Amino acid sequence: MVSPGILRLALLLGAAPLVGGAALAQDDAAKPAASAAADDDGSNPIDPEAMAAVDKMSAALQALSSFHTKSDITTEVVLATGQKIQFGGTMDTYARRPNAFKIVTRLDGKSRELYYDGKTFTIFAPTLGYYADFPAPGTIAATIDKASDEFGIEVPLADLFTWGSDPAIRARVQEAMVIRPETIGDRTCMHYAFRQEHADWQVWIDQGGKALPCKIVITNKTDPAMPQYSAVIDWASTAVPASENLAFSPPADAHRIAIADISEITSDGEGQ
């Protein structure tokens, strides 16, 4: 049977889904795309202009030693009947490379907080009063991978941290196209669309500044209903706190619960 601690962790994670984080990086079954690949009509399904734009955006993201974003997020949950239910919320992301971040999501009236201080990763549900943690590697990218691979925790908008640092993400693109310039808030952003084996994704890139993303939409093709996750991203001017101020400090009434390695859970969901 699953232990009470694991059940509480499932509640902590499941009450406000953290999706859309590493959908692109985790498309492991996708076949690397060849730049010379062609459709049946002889045209190249990968527009070099779209790939160049993503490369430029990647360089802009990697050049940021710290950042603070405020995002309006939308996620879809698919019911057993196939009906999609959409939830909206907000997210604040504070990051200092190479080893600190704090992410606060407010979705469907609930809040989740993620912390990484270079040594420990913590997920906290302030309303429930539960938190769980694990010893973390020394970089943001490695910690995101460990959270996903070992504990099934997806860091929302993880691509803001890892884009440009993992060539495999680029290699998985099978189709890429330029759509058109569009207005998002007060920004003119060029709209691009991409396809992978298990995910379609779109990105709008600011044309007036540092080529940072204005909006991201990810479609999950592993589900026949193809639910989407979207985020409209505002690159806030607020200064990012020092790394030590991004660390988690549990409230006096908070309860620490166990976090289980997913490799220790059998495919039918029962503990070994």
Protein backbone atom coordinates (compact mmCIF):
# COMPACT_ATOMS: atom_id res chain seq x y z
CA MET A 1 0.00 0.00 0.00
CA VAL A 2 1.03 3.61 -0.54
CA SER A 3 2.19 5.20 2.70
CA PRO A 4 0.25 8.12 4.27
CA GLY A 5 3.25 10.35 3.63
CA ILE A 6 3.16 9.59 -0.09
CA LEU A 7 -0.58 10.19 -0.17
CA ARG A 8 -0.09 13.59 1.44
CA LEU A 9 2.62 14.36 -1.11
CA ALA A 10 0.27 13.36 -3.92
CA LEU A 11 -2.30 15.76 -2.48
CA LEU A 12 0.33 18.45 -2.20
CA LEU A 13 1.31 18.02 -5.85
CA GLY A 14 -2.06 17.18 -7.35
CA ALA A 15 -4.27 19.91 -5.92
CA ALA A 16 -2.67 22.47 -8.23
CA PRO A 17 -1.09 20.81 -11.29
CA LEU A 18 2.43 21.97 -12.11
CA VAL A 19 2.41 21.27 -15.83
CA GLY A 20 4.11 22.69 -18.87
CA GLY A 21 7.49 22.70 -17.27
CA ALA A 22 9.72 20.22 -19.00
CA ALA A 23 7.43 19.00 -21.76
CA LEU A 24 9.97 19.82 -24.45
CA ALA A 25 13.04 18.48 -22.68
CA GLN A 26 11.32 15.20 -21.79
CA ASP A 27 10.22 14.28 -25.31
CA ASP A 28 12.61 11.33 -25.10
CA ALA A 29 10.94 9.19 -27.75
CA ALA A 30 11.15 11.90 -30.39
CA LYS A 31 13.43 11.35 -33.35
CA PRO A 32 16.07 14.05 -33.96
CA ALA A 33 15.11 16.18 -36.94
CA ALA A 34 17.43 16.57 -39.91
CA SER A 35 17.68 20.08 -41.30
CA ALA A 36 17.40 18.70 -44.84
CA ALA A 37 14.19 16.77 -44.13
CA ALA A 38 11.44 17.47 -46.60
CA ASP A 39 7.68 17.10 -46.92
CA ASP A 40 6.19 15.08 -49.76
CA ASP A 41 5.99 18.23 -51.89
CA GLY A 42 9.74 18.79 -51.48
CA SER A 43 9.46 21.71 -49.06
CA ASN A 44 11.49 21.80 -45.86
CA PRO A 45 9.21 21.38 -42.79
CA ILE A 46 11.80 23.19 -40.68
CA ASP A 47 12.00 26.89 -41.48
CA PRO A 48 15.57 28.05 -40.77
CA GLU A 49 14.22 31.49 -39.78
CA ALA A 50 12.15 29.93 -36.99
CA MET A 51 15.11 27.92 -35.70
CA ALA A 52 17.36 30.99 -35.83
CA ALA A 53 14.79 32.93 -33.78
CA VAL A 54 14.74 30.21 -31.09
CA ASP A 55 18.55 30.16 -31.06
CA LYS A 56 18.57 33.93 -30.53
CA MET A 57 16.01 33.61 -27.74
CA SER A 58 18.07 30.82 -26.14
CA ALA A 59 21.16 33.03 -26.13
CA ALA A 60 19.16 35.87 -24.55
CA LEU A 61 17.86 33.58 -21.80
CA GLN A 62 21.28 32.11 -21.05
CA ALA A 63 22.78 35.61 -20.82
CA LEU A 64 20.53 36.47 -17.86
CA SER A 65 22.38 36.00 -14.58
CA SER A 66 19.13 36.65 -12.72
CA PHE A 67 15.53 37.39 -13.63
CA HIS A 68 12.02 37.87 -12.29
CA THR A 69 8.98 37.02 -14.41
CA LYS A 70 5.28 37.45 -13.70
CA SER A 71 3.12 35.13 -15.80
CA ASP A 72 -0.58 34.63 -16.44
CA ILE A 73 -0.97 30.88 -16.82
CA THR A 74 -3.74 28.65 -18.15
CA THR A 75 -3.87 24.87 -17.90
CA GLU A 76 -6.39 22.27 -19.03
CA VAL A 77 -7.52 19.14 -17.22
CA VAL A 78 -9.26 16.41 -19.23
CA LEU A 79 -12.16 14.60 -17.52
CA ALA A 80 -12.87 10.90 -18.00
CA THR A 81 -15.66 11.96 -20.37
CA GLY A 82 -13.13 13.76 -22.58
CA GLN A 83 -14.34 17.21 -21.63
CA LYS A 84 -11.63 19.78 -21.04
CA ILE A 85 -11.76 21.96 -17.94
CA GLN A 86 -9.61 25.08 -18.01
CA PHE A 87 -8.02 26.76 -15.00
CA GLY A 88 -6.27 30.11 -14.86
CA GLY A 89 -3.77 31.57 -12.46
CA THR A 90 -0.56 33.51 -12.02
CA MET A 91 3.06 32.64 -11.40
CA ASP A 92 6.06 34.56 -10.07
CA THR A 93 9.51 33.22 -10.90
CA TYR A 94 12.67 34.53 -9.25
CA ALA A 95 15.97 33.04 -10.38
CA ARG A 96 19.68 33.53 -9.81
CA ARG A 97 22.05 31.44 -11.86
CA PRO A 98 23.52 28.98 -11.32
CA ASN A 99 21.88 27.71 -8.16
CA ALA A 100 18.82 29.49 -6.77
CA PHE A 101 15.17 30.02 -7.60
CA LYS A 102 11.78 30.60 -6.05
CA ILE A 103 8.54 29.94 -7.94
CA VAL A 104 5.09 30.81 -6.60
CA THR A 105 2.02 29.57 -8.51
CA ARG A 106 -1.55 30.55 -7.78
CA LEU A 107 -3.87 28.32 -9.80
CA ASP A 108 -7.54 27.53 -9.29
CA GLY A 109 -7.51 29.40 -5.99
CA LYS A 110 -4.62 27.35 -4.63
CA SER A 111 -0.96 28.20 -4.16
CA ARG A 112 2.23 26.18 -4.51
CA GLU A 113 5.77 27.36 -3.81
CA LEU A 114 9.01 25.82 -5.10
CA TYR A 115 12.41 26.69 -3.66
CA TYR A 116 15.97 25.80 -4.60
CA ASP A 117 18.95 27.21 -2.72
CA GLY A 118 21.84 25.29 -4.26
CA LYS A 119 21.55 22.45 -1.74
CA THR A 120 17.88 21.63 -1.22
CA PHE A 121 14.74 21.59 -3.40
CA THR A 122 11.49 22.20 -1.51
CA ILE A 123 7.84 22.16 -2.57
CA PHE A 124 5.40 23.84 -0.16
CA ALA A 125 1.60 24.05 -0.05
CA PRO A 126 0.95 27.03 2.26
CA THR A 127 -2.80 26.44 2.64
CA LEU A 128 -2.37 22.76 3.46
CA GLY A 129 0.67 23.47 5.61
CA TYR A 130 2.74 20.62 4.14
CA TYR A 131 6.17 20.72 2.55
CA ALA A 132 8.56 18.12 1.15
CA ASP A 133 12.18 18.37 0.10
CA PHE A 134 15.17 16.46 -1.24
CA PRO A 135 18.94 17.09 -1.43
CA ALA A 136 19.60 18.87 -4.71
CA PRO A 137 22.54 19.07 -7.13
CA GLY A 138 24.59 22.24 -7.50
CA THR A 139 22.86 23.74 -10.56
CA ILE A 140 19.32 24.71 -11.57
CA ALA A 141 19.31 22.49 -14.67
CA ALA A 142 20.48 19.38 -12.79
CA THR A 143 17.94 20.02 -10.04
CA ILE A 144 15.09 20.32 -12.55
CA ASP A 145 16.14 16.99 -14.05
CA LYS A 146 16.31 15.29 -10.64
CA ALA A 147 12.92 16.65 -9.58
CA SER A 148 11.35 15.21 -12.72
CA ASP A 149 13.25 11.95 -13.13
CA GLU A 150 13.33 10.82 -9.50
CA PHE A 151 10.27 12.44 -7.92
CA GLY A 152 7.84 13.18 -10.76
CA ILE A 153 7.81 16.92 -10.00
CA GLU A 154 7.66 19.18 -13.05
CA VAL A 155 9.03 22.69 -12.52
CA PRO A 156 6.69 25.06 -14.38
CA LEU A 157 8.28 26.87 -17.33
CA ALA A 158 11.49 24.99 -16.72
CA ASP A 159 12.52 25.87 -20.26
CA LEU A 160 13.25 29.43 -19.10
CA PHE A 161 16.15 27.91 -17.18
CA THR A 162 17.32 25.25 -19.62
CA TRP A 163 16.65 26.53 -23.12
CA GLY A 164 19.96 26.75 -24.95
CA SER A 165 21.79 24.56 -22.44
CA ASP A 166 20.51 21.24 -23.83
CA PRO A 167 21.13 20.68 -27.58
CA ALA A 168 18.83 17.66 -27.49
CA ILE A 169 15.78 19.94 -27.18
CA ARG A 170 16.62 21.60 -30.49
CA ALA A 171 17.38 18.27 -32.16
CA ARG A 172 13.88 16.95 -31.37
CA VAL A 173 12.15 19.62 -33.48
CA GLN A 174 10.48 17.97 -36.49
CA GLU A 175 8.64 20.98 -37.91
CA ALA A 176 9.10 24.72 -37.44
CA MET A 177 7.33 27.67 -38.99
CA VAL A 178 7.07 31.45 -38.75
CA ILE A 179 3.47 32.62 -38.23
CA ARG A 180 3.29 36.42 -38.03
CA PRO A 181 3.96 39.37 -35.71
CA GLU A 182 1.29 39.86 -33.04
CA THR A 183 0.68 42.30 -30.20
CA ILE A 184 0.82 40.98 -26.63
CA GLY A 185 0.18 43.78 -24.15
CA ASP A 186 2.39 46.62 -25.29
CA ARG A 187 4.90 44.34 -27.05
CA THR A 188 5.23 43.32 -30.68
CA CYS A 189 6.09 39.64 -30.64
CA MET A 190 6.80 37.29 -33.55
CA HIS A 191 4.77 34.10 -33.40
CA TYR A 192 6.49 30.76 -34.17
CA ALA A 193 5.12 27.19 -34.13
CA PHE A 194 7.03 23.92 -33.68
CA ARG A 195 6.25 20.20 -33.65
CA GLN A 196 7.89 17.30 -31.81
CA GLU A 197 6.93 13.64 -31.45
CA HIS A 198 4.92 14.11 -28.27
CA ALA A 199 4.39 17.87 -28.04
CA ASP A 200 3.45 20.79 -30.25
CA TRP A 201 4.59 24.15 -28.97
CA GLN A 202 4.33 27.79 -29.88
CA VAL A 203 6.40 30.74 -28.74
CA TRP A 204 6.00 34.46 -29.23
CA ILE A 205 9.35 36.32 -29.09
CA ASP A 206 9.72 40.02 -28.30
CA GLN A 207 10.85 41.94 -31.38
CA GLY A 208 11.67 45.18 -29.60
CA GLY A 209 14.16 44.23 -26.94
CA LYS A 210 16.28 41.26 -25.91
CA ALA A 211 14.47 38.54 -27.87
CA LEU A 212 12.87 37.15 -24.71
CA PRO A 213 9.68 35.06 -24.88
CA CYS A 214 6.37 36.92 -24.50
CA LYS A 215 4.15 33.84 -24.49
CA ILE A 216 4.48 30.05 -24.60
CA VAL A 217 1.82 27.44 -25.45
CA ILE A 218 2.52 23.69 -25.12
CA THR A 219 0.13 21.01 -26.43
CA ASN A 220 0.43 17.52 -24.94
CA LYS A 221 0.00 15.02 -27.80
CA THR A 222 0.37 11.96 -25.57
CA ASP A 223 -3.25 12.55 -24.47
CA PRO A 224 -5.81 12.09 -27.30
CA ALA A 225 -7.63 15.19 -26.00
CA MET A 226 -4.39 17.20 -26.45
CA PRO A 227 -4.68 19.52 -23.41
CA GLN A 228 -2.72 22.77 -23.50
CA TYR A 229 -0.67 24.80 -21.09
CA SER A 230 -0.05 28.49 -21.80
CA ALA A 231 1.81 31.31 -20.12
CA VAL A 232 1.91 35.00 -20.99
CA ILE A 233 5.23 36.17 -19.56
CA ASP A 234 6.05 39.66 -18.27
CA TRP A 235 9.74 40.27 -17.59
CA ALA A 236 9.36 42.29 -14.41
CA SER A 237 11.79 45.03 -13.51
CA THR A 238 11.74 44.15 -9.80
CA ALA A 239 15.19 43.23 -8.50
CA VAL A 240 15.79 39.55 -7.73
CA PRO A 241 16.53 38.88 -4.04
CA ALA A 242 19.91 37.53 -3.00
CA SER A 243 20.29 33.75 -3.26
CA GLU A 244 20.03 33.24 0.51
CA ASN A 245 16.69 35.07 0.49
CA LEU A 246 15.27 32.60 -2.02
CA ALA A 247 15.78 29.68 0.40
CA PHE A 248 12.76 28.08 2.08
CA SER A 249 12.11 28.86 5.73
CA PRO A 250 9.23 26.73 7.02
CA PRO A 251 6.51 28.48 9.03
CA ALA A 252 6.19 27.35 12.63
CA ASP A 253 2.98 25.43 11.92
CA ALA A 254 4.20 23.73 8.72
CA HIS A 255 4.63 19.94 8.59
CA ARG A 256 7.44 18.21 6.72
CA ILE A 257 6.37 15.05 4.89
CA ALA A 258 8.30 12.31 3.14
CA ILE A 259 9.00 12.48 -0.57
CA ALA A 260 9.16 9.19 -2.45
CA ASP A 261 11.44 8.26 -5.32
CA ILE A 262 9.09 7.27 -8.15
CA SER A 263 11.42 4.42 -9.11
CA GLU A 264 10.42 2.77 -5.83
CA ILE A 265 6.75 2.72 -6.78
CA THR A 266 5.48 -0.08 -8.99
CA SER A 267 3.58 0.57 -12.20
CA ASP A 268 0.27 -0.15 -10.48
CA GLY A 269 0.93 2.62 -7.95
CA GLU A 270 1.68 0.42 -4.95
CA GLY A 271 4.90 0.68 -2.96
CA GLN A 272 7.40 -2.13 -3.30
